Amino acid sequence: MTMAYVSIIVLVILFAATLLPAFDLGLAAFAAAFLVGLAAGVPAAEVTGFFPADFFVLIVGVTALFAVAHVNGTLDWLLDLLLRLVRGRLVLVALVPFVVGAVLTAVGTLPAAATAIVAPIALGLAARHRISPFVAAVLGVTGIVSGLLSPLAVYGITARGMGDELGIGLPASAPVTFLFGGVLTGLVVCAAFLLVGTRTGALPRGRVTPDGPGDTAGAAGVGGLAAGPPRPGPGAAARATAVAPASAPPAPDPRARAVTVACLLAVVVASVGFDMNIGYLGITAALLQQVLFRMEPAAIVARIPWGVVLLIGGLLTYVGLMQHLGAFDRLSELLRVEGSPMLSLLVLCYIAGVTSFAASSIAVFVTTMPLLPPLVEAGVSPVGGVLAIALASVLVDINPLGITGGLILGAAEPSARARLFRHLLGYGLASVVVAPLVAWAAFGAW
């Protein structure tokens, strides 16, 4: 048995061990990376090189910036402003992260940067208004996915450029079709979660106001999705009850609020417009405000989710070792079968989905695209093939093992992170099975 297969078996064991009490997956992943690397003859220094330093800077910088906004009250003020804009309708409140994410990626924001901006908004609204953190996170990331295939977005540009480079014959209308396919997929997923959320109580109905209680359906969700505790008594799930939002902190000092909003806008503009590193921008902006307003450093540092950094850092270090050992190539070989062109496209979608679960989706997309030309020559639609592979890659991103999941967990309330991790992991694993098939069935023949 090769070390590639050994690394796959060890990964399965790590996930199975999470069922044990007091088992830390992040620490275990670091130890597994060291031991498997030792057995494979990979020096410890090389294993350390797989540590995702870019992820560390990203999540520390963004969470430090939003920690300042939370400590000085600006984040709560911004959430109240969003609530007023949608007139307190809870369904529209939940849709705010979806719209923000779609707009950000459609104009060219990288997915990680967009998630860094959207996650605190989505999880902040969820914490304040008894919306399930899981539903809020999925809606926000689905919005990001919706805009990823626009002509200005990274996937849209890559798809068009590689299509021309590989000579698969994309028509002039392909960019518009890509955008339409991404938006349609996002709207379908969004509608499904809104329906399930309102039926289970994970998304309360009615209105709330930032100044007082609002009418919501105080329903308890099924499957642990509801954001709040169940109401006692028969028929409680169908009754309307008055629910007061979380008590708001004192209003921020106008000067501090103005500086914080300016810093947030500057970080967004610099990262989107000038392609600057959002992690370093966040650290710089947080430090500037901390010094300017003499904030206690411990109050900011304590809000950085170091447990999440450890978890995702350890997992990505181990995944990097697996890629080095060729584990994902072996997985691809296991999925490869002979068949018709459309069946081969389905297999290719599953390869993209399985690999993207624990690796960079854009990297998987770029490495999978060169496998498409033979299928196009055999009769597969070039537009449909690109759409199917792209969506199979990105729809599995909502899992806790990558940067997207790390940013979501980092933005969640500490008390909600364990449950949210389980929900995201379950959703991610289900997506690996369902998303490639749905993407292939919906778009393969376009």
Foldseek 3Di string as FASTA:
>chain_A
DALLVVLVVVVVVLVVCVVPPPDQSLVVLQVCLCVSCVVNVNDPVVLVVLQPPLLVLALLLLLLLVLLCVVQQLLVVVLQVVCVVVPFWLLVLLLVLLQQLLVLQLQEFALLVSLSVSLLSQQVSCQFPFAFLLLSLLSNSLSNQLRQCACRGPLVVLLVVVCVVLVLDDDPCLSVVLNVLSNVVSVVVNVVSSVLCPVFQNGWGFGQHPVWWTKTLQAHGPPPRTSDDHDDDPPSNVDIDIDTTDDRDDHGDVVLSVLSVVLVVVLSCCCRVVVDSSSVSSNVSSVVSCVVVVPDVCSSVVLRPVSLSSNLSSLSSSVSVSVVSVNLVVVLVVLDDDDALLVRLLSLLLSLLVNLLQDPLVVSLNVSVSVCSVSSVRPWDSSLSSQLNSQSNSVLPQACNDSSNSSNLSSHDPVCNVVSNVVSHVSNVVSSVPRSVVSSVPRRRD
